[in-house]
């Protein structure tokens, strides 16, 4: 597994050298080697080892090409040690999302909210809607710092302005 980790770290470095997008807070693709399980005793060579990693590409990067790149990097390791390396998805991918900052919808939302569109470092359903051909933005009240926390809340004074903006967007694009 040490050799696998080395190959994946090297692959991550290559990705980060070759792909950047300054529109995002994290400007490079990430490959986090976050969970490893193997062995049952420090004085034995384990019979198997599992590594779970999180690969987050930037918009425009093809996830299947990245997976194939990982498989190609790991195949020589498997051959060198005479082992089998199984690389499988733990869950379906969520593609990265980016919208054209000059789209009419983005400009309209900026005008209605008084805020300039920016990127965020979290996942949403936006890429699925975009894949259906919809011009898509992620917008809403509150702070991501309060979202998905034990005491998650939305201040009451943030609800009415958001409802008003949504009504205007619905009036413009749906009626």
C-alpha atoms as a PDB file:
ATOM      1  CA  UNK A   1       0.000   0.000   0.000  1.00  0.00           C
ATOM      2  CA  UNK A   2       2.968   2.284   0.569  1.00  0.00           C
ATOM      3  CA  UNK A   3       3.742   2.095  -3.162  1.00  0.00           C
ATOM      4  CA  UNK A   4       0.102   2.721  -4.050  1.00  0.00           C
ATOM      5  CA  UNK A   5       0.076   5.797  -1.840  1.00  0.00           C
ATOM      6  CA  UNK A   6       3.275   7.034  -3.487  1.00  0.00           C
ATOM      7  CA  UNK A   7       1.793   6.650  -6.970  1.00  0.00           C
ATOM      8  CA  UNK A   8      -1.404   8.429  -5.989  1.00  0.00           C
ATOM      9  CA  UNK A   9       0.499  11.293  -4.369  1.00  0.00           C
ATOM     10  CA  UNK A  10       2.604  11.622  -7.519  1.00  0.00           C
ATOM     11  CA  UNK A  11      -0.560  11.555  -9.671  1.00  0.00           C
ATOM     12  CA  UNK A  12      -2.113  14.256  -7.475  1.00  0.00           C
ATOM     13  CA  UNK A  13       0.973  16.445  -7.882  1.00  0.00           C
ATOM     14  CA  UNK A  14       0.834  16.064 -11.669  1.00  0.00           C
ATOM     15  CA  UNK A  15      -2.860  16.956 -11.741  1.00  0.00           C
ATOM     16  CA  UNK A  16      -2.247  20.033  -9.627  1.00  0.00           C
ATOM     17  CA  UNK A  17       0.635  21.157 -11.836  1.00  0.00           C
ATOM     18  CA  UNK A  18      -1.396  20.704 -15.021  1.00  0.00           C
ATOM     19  CA  UNK A  19      -4.848  21.945 -13.984  1.00  0.00           C
ATOM     20  CA  UNK A  20      -5.746  25.172 -12.223  1.00  0.00           C
ATOM     21  CA  UNK A  21      -8.846  27.318 -12.127  1.00  0.00           C
ATOM     22  CA  UNK A  22      -8.397  30.636 -10.342  1.00  0.00           C
ATOM     23  CA  UNK A  23     -12.172  31.129 -10.099  1.00  0.00           C
ATOM     24  CA  UNK A  24     -12.254  28.659  -7.219  1.00  0.00           C
ATOM     25  CA  UNK A  25     -11.003  29.018  -3.661  1.00  0.00           C
ATOM     26  CA  UNK A  26      -9.266  25.647  -4.062  1.00  0.00           C
ATOM     27  CA  UNK A  27      -7.693  26.304  -7.458  1.00  0.00           C
ATOM     28  CA  UNK A  28      -6.515  22.752  -8.213  1.00  0.00           C
ATOM     29  CA  UNK A  29      -8.094  19.294  -8.392  1.00  0.00           C
ATOM     30  CA  UNK A  30      -7.820  17.407  -5.116  1.00  0.00           C
ATOM     31  CA  UNK A  31      -7.087  13.774  -4.341  1.00  0.00           C
ATOM     32  CA  UNK A  32      -7.441  13.111  -0.629  1.00  0.00           C
ATOM     33  CA  UNK A  33      -6.180   9.757   0.666  1.00  0.00           C
ATOM     34  CA  UNK A  34      -8.489   9.913   3.623  1.00  0.00           C
ATOM     35  CA  UNK A  35      -9.180   6.408   4.892  1.00  0.00           C
ATOM     36  CA  UNK A  36      -6.916   3.357   5.070  1.00  0.00           C
ATOM     37  CA  UNK A  37      -7.582  -0.011   6.740  1.00  0.00           C
ATOM     38  CA  UNK A  38      -5.324  -3.021   6.780  1.00  0.00           C
ATOM     39  CA  UNK A  39      -3.653  -5.571   8.960  1.00  0.00           C
ATOM     40  CA  UNK A  40      -4.410  -6.789  12.431  1.00  0.00           C
ATOM     41  CA  UNK A  41      -1.013  -6.718  14.132  1.00  0.00           C
ATOM     42  CA  UNK A  42       2.147  -4.652  13.681  1.00  0.00           C
ATOM     43  CA  UNK A  43       4.367  -7.765  13.380  1.00  0.00           C
ATOM     44  CA  UNK A  44       2.447  -9.338  10.456  1.00  0.00           C
ATOM     45  CA  UNK A  45       2.223  -8.466   6.791  1.00  0.00           C
ATOM     46  CA  UNK A  46      -1.469  -7.937   6.180  1.00  0.00           C
ATOM     47  CA  UNK A  47      -3.331 -10.005   3.624  1.00  0.00           C
ATOM     48  CA  UNK A  48      -5.315  -7.053   2.331  1.00  0.00           C
ATOM     49  CA  UNK A  49      -5.509  -3.315   2.706  1.00  0.00           C
ATOM     50  CA  UNK A  50      -8.239  -0.862   1.735  1.00  0.00           C
ATOM     51  CA  UNK A  51      -7.747   2.754   0.790  1.00  0.00           C
ATOM     52  CA  UNK A  52     -10.674   5.095   0.295  1.00  0.00           C
ATOM     53  CA  UNK A  53      -9.851   8.333  -1.493  1.00  0.00           C
ATOM     54  CA  UNK A  54     -11.780  11.373  -2.598  1.00  0.00           C
ATOM     55  CA  UNK A  55     -11.040  12.761  -6.069  1.00  0.00           C
ATOM     56  CA  UNK A  56     -12.474  16.183  -6.878  1.00  0.00           C
ATOM     57  CA  UNK A  57     -11.762  17.393 -10.410  1.00  0.00           C
ATOM     58  CA  UNK A  58     -12.164  20.908 -11.706  1.00  0.00           C
ATOM     59  CA  UNK A  59     -14.803  21.783 -14.311  1.00  0.00           C
ATOM     60  CA  UNK A  60     -13.779  20.477 -17.719  1.00  0.00           C
ATOM     61  CA  UNK A  61     -11.859  17.481 -16.382  1.00  0.00           C
ATOM     62  CA  UNK A  62     -13.248  14.077 -17.364  1.00  0.00           C
ATOM     63  CA  UNK A  63     -13.729  11.772 -14.366  1.00  0.00           C
ATOM     64  CA  UNK A  64     -13.464   8.589 -16.451  1.00  0.00           C
ATOM     65  CA  UNK A  65     -10.126   9.759 -17.873  1.00  0.00           C
ATOM     66  CA  UNK A  66      -8.909  10.472 -14.336  1.00  0.00           C
ATOM     67  CA  UNK A  67     -10.004   7.024 -13.134  1.00  0.00           C
ATOM     68  CA  UNK A  68      -8.223   5.415 -16.067  1.00  0.00           C
ATOM     69  CA  UNK A  69      -5.119   7.432 -15.211  1.00  0.00           C
ATOM     70  CA  UNK A  70      -5.223   6.057 -11.679  1.00  0.00           C
ATOM     71  CA  UNK A  71      -5.666   2.499 -12.941  1.00  0.00           C
ATOM     72  CA  UNK A  72      -2.710   2.903 -15.322  1.00  0.00           C
ATOM     73  CA  UNK A  73      -0.539   4.231 -12.492  1.00  0.00           C
ATOM     74  CA  UNK A  74      -1.463   1.379 -10.161  1.00  0.00           C
ATOM     75  CA  UNK A  75      -1.184  -1.541 -12.601  1.00  0.00           C
ATOM     76  CA  UNK A  76       2.658  -1.634 -12.501  1.00  0.00           C
ATOM     77  CA  UNK A  77       2.506  -1.625  -8.689  1.00  0.00           C
ATOM     78  CA  UNK A  78       0.177  -4.631  -8.753  1.00  0.00           C
ATOM     79  CA  UNK A  79       2.465  -6.453 -11.183  1.00  0.00           C
ATOM     80  CA  UNK A  80       5.609  -5.630  -9.201  1.00  0.00           C
ATOM     81  CA  UNK A  81       4.151  -7.095  -5.999  1.00  0.00           C
ATOM     82  CA  UNK A  82       2.045  -9.850  -7.568  1.00  0.00           C
ATOM     83  CA  UNK A  83      -1.185  -8.532  -6.065  1.00  0.00           C
ATOM     84  CA  UNK A  84      -4.598  -7.517  -7.323  1.00  0.00           C
ATOM     85  CA  UNK A  85      -5.655  -3.907  -6.988  1.00  0.00           C
ATOM     86  CA  UNK A  86      -9.382  -3.306  -7.278  1.00  0.00           C
ATOM     87  CA  UNK A  87     -10.398   0.272  -7.894  1.00  0.00           C
ATOM     88  CA  UNK A  88     -14.131   0.799  -7.480  1.00  0.00           C
ATOM     89  CA  UNK A  89     -16.460   3.709  -6.834  1.00  0.00           C
ATOM     90  CA  UNK A  90     -17.992   3.964  -3.394  1.00  0.00           C
ATOM     91  CA  UNK A  91     -20.772   6.191  -4.745  1.00  0.00           C
ATOM     92  CA  UNK A  92     -21.692   7.849  -8.042  1.00  0.00           C
ATOM     93  CA  UNK A  93     -19.643  10.911  -8.842  1.00  0.00           C
ATOM     94  CA  UNK A  94     -20.914  14.452  -8.587  1.00  0.00           C
ATOM     95  CA  UNK A  95     -19.356  16.422 -11.397  1.00  0.00           C
ATOM     96  CA  UNK A  96     -17.846  19.830 -10.708  1.00  0.00           C
ATOM     97  CA  UNK A  97     -20.075  22.769 -11.501  1.00  0.00           C
ATOM     98  CA  UNK A  98     -19.269  26.102 -13.069  1.00  0.00           C
ATOM     99  CA  UNK A  99     -21.533  28.544 -14.827  1.00  0.00           C
ATOM    100  CA  UNK A 100     -20.600  31.339 -17.201  1.00  0.00           C
ATOM    101  CA  UNK A 101     -20.295  34.510 -15.099  1.00  0.00           C
ATOM    102  CA  UNK A 102     -21.688  36.435 -18.076  1.00  0.00           C
ATOM    103  CA  UNK A 103     -24.868  34.375 -18.416  1.00  0.00           C
ATOM    104  CA  UNK A 104     -28.119  36.301 -18.253  1.00  0.00           C
ATOM    105  CA  UNK A 105     -29.226  34.346 -15.174  1.00  0.00           C
ATOM    106  CA  UNK A 106     -26.024  35.146 -13.267  1.00  0.00           C
ATOM    107  CA  UNK A 107     -26.233  38.837 -14.182  1.00  0.00           C
ATOM    108  CA  UNK A 108     -29.915  38.961 -13.222  1.00  0.00           C
ATOM    109  CA  UNK A 109     -29.238  37.323  -9.850  1.00  0.00           C
ATOM    110  CA  UNK A 110     -26.376  39.741  -9.211  1.00  0.00           C
ATOM    111  CA  UNK A 111     -28.627  42.690  -9.997  1.00  0.00           C
ATOM    112  CA  UNK A 112     -31.451  41.423  -7.764  1.00  0.00           C
ATOM    113  CA  UNK A 113     -29.232  40.508  -4.819  1.00  0.00           C
ATOM    114  CA  UNK A 114     -26.694  43.306  -5.038  1.00  0.00           C
ATOM    115  CA  UNK A 115     -23.925  40.689  -4.730  1.00  0.00           C
ATOM    116  CA  UNK A 116     -21.300  39.613  -7.244  1.00  0.00           C
ATOM    117  CA  UNK A 117     -21.366  35.924  -8.162  1.00  0.00           C
ATOM    118  CA  UNK A 118     -18.513  33.878  -6.737  1.00  0.00           C
ATOM    119  CA  UNK A 119     -17.505  30.261  -6.370  1.00  0.00           C
ATOM    120  CA  UNK A 120     -18.017  28.021  -3.363  1.00  0.00           C
ATOM    121  CA  UNK A 121     -16.205  24.953  -2.101  1.00  0.00           C
ATOM    122  CA  UNK A 122     -19.088  22.560  -1.573  1.00  0.00           C
ATOM    123  CA  UNK A 123     -21.204  20.203  -3.626  1.00  0.00           C
ATOM    124  CA  UNK A 124     -24.780  20.768  -4.778  1.00  0.00           C
ATOM    125  CA  UNK A 125     -27.279  19.328  -7.216  1.00  0.00           C
ATOM    126  CA  UNK A 126     -26.371  22.092  -9.690  1.00  0.00           C
ATOM    127  CA  UNK A 127     -24.305  19.910 -12.063  1.00  0.00           C
ATOM    128  CA  UNK A 128     -27.240  17.512 -12.478  1.00  0.00           C
ATOM    129  CA  UNK A 129     -29.555  20.370 -13.460  1.00  0.00           C
ATOM    130  CA  UNK A 130     -26.909  21.841 -15.736  1.00  0.00           C
ATOM    131  CA  UNK A 131     -26.502  18.436 -17.436  1.00  0.00           C
ATOM    132  CA  UNK A 132     -30.215  18.589 -18.280  1.00  0.00           C
ATOM    133  CA  UNK A 133     -29.521  21.787 -20.231  1.00  0.00           C
ATOM    134  CA  UNK A 134     -30.657  24.268 -17.590  1.00  0.00           C
ATOM    135  CA  UNK A 135     -28.851  27.528 -16.927  1.00  0.00           C
ATOM    136  CA  UNK A 136     -28.113  26.997 -13.245  1.00  0.00           C
ATOM    137  CA  UNK A 137     -26.945  28.990 -10.258  1.00  0.00           C
ATOM    138  CA  UNK A 138     -26.592  28.192  -6.567  1.00  0.00           C
ATOM    139  CA  UNK A 139     -28.143  30.946  -4.502  1.00  0.00           C
ATOM    140  CA  UNK A 140     -29.845  31.254  -1.178  1.00  0.00           C
ATOM    141  CA  UNK A 141     -29.995  32.915   2.192  1.00  0.00           C
ATOM    142  CA  UNK A 142     -27.765  32.253   5.144  1.00  0.00           C
ATOM    143  CA  UNK A 143     -24.157  31.253   5.541  1.00  0.00           C
ATOM    144  CA  UNK A 144     -22.559  27.944   4.597  1.00  0.00           C
ATOM    145  CA  UNK A 145     -20.826  28.163   7.980  1.00  0.00           C
ATOM    146  CA  UNK A 146     -24.216  27.596   9.622  1.00  0.00           C
ATOM    147  CA  UNK A 147     -25.384  24.897   7.213  1.00  0.00           C
ATOM    148  CA  UNK A 148     -25.264  21.208   8.143  1.00  0.00           C
ATOM    149  CA  UNK A 149     -24.213  21.946  11.719  1.00  0.00           C
ATOM    150  CA  UNK A 150     -25.762  20.696  14.977  1.00  0.00           C
ATOM    151  CA  UNK A 151     -27.426  24.080  15.524  1.00  0.00           C
ATOM    152  CA  UNK A 152     -28.172  24.868  11.886  1.00  0.00           C
ATOM    153  CA  UNK A 153     -30.482  27.843  11.504  1.00  0.00           C
ATOM    154  CA  UNK A 154     -31.603  30.574   9.157  1.00  0.00           C
ATOM    155  CA  UNK A 155     -32.340  34.000  10.610  1.00  0.00           C
ATOM    156  CA  UNK A 156     -35.940  35.066  10.041  1.00  0.00           C
ATOM    157  CA  UNK A 157     -34.876  38.416   8.591  1.00  0.00           C
ATOM    158  CA  UNK A 158     -33.142  36.578   5.722  1.00  0.00           C
ATOM    159  CA  UNK A 159     -36.233  34.703   4.545  1.00  0.00           C
ATOM    160  CA  UNK A 160     -38.441  37.532   3.201  1.00  0.00           C
ATOM    161  CA  UNK A 161     -35.740  39.135   0.999  1.00  0.00           C
ATOM    162  CA  UNK A 162     -34.933  35.714  -0.465  1.00  0.00           C
ATOM    163  CA  UNK A 163     -38.600  34.982  -1.190  1.00  0.00           C
ATOM    164  CA  UNK A 164     -38.872  38.377  -2.903  1.00  0.00           C
ATOM    165  CA  UNK A 165     -35.835  37.643  -5.097  1.00  0.00           C
ATOM    166  CA  UNK A 166     -37.164  34.185  -5.975  1.00  0.00           C
ATOM    167  CA  UNK A 167     -40.543  35.685  -6.921  1.00  0.00           C
ATOM    168  CA  UNK A 168     -38.805  38.125  -9.250  1.00  0.00           C
ATOM    169  CA  UNK A 169     -36.728  35.345 -10.842  1.00  0.00           C
ATOM    170  CA  UNK A 170     -39.813  33.166 -11.270  1.00  0.00           C
ATOM    171  CA  UNK A 171     -41.710  36.105 -12.788  1.00  0.00           C
ATOM    172  CA  UNK A 172     -38.910  36.777 -15.250  1.00  0.00           C
ATOM    173  CA  UNK A 173     -38.085  33.212 -16.315  1.00  0.00           C
ATOM    174  CA  UNK A 174     -41.184  31.108 -15.673  1.00  0.00           C
ATOM    175  CA  UNK A 175     -44.214  33.258 -16.421  1.00  0.00           C
END
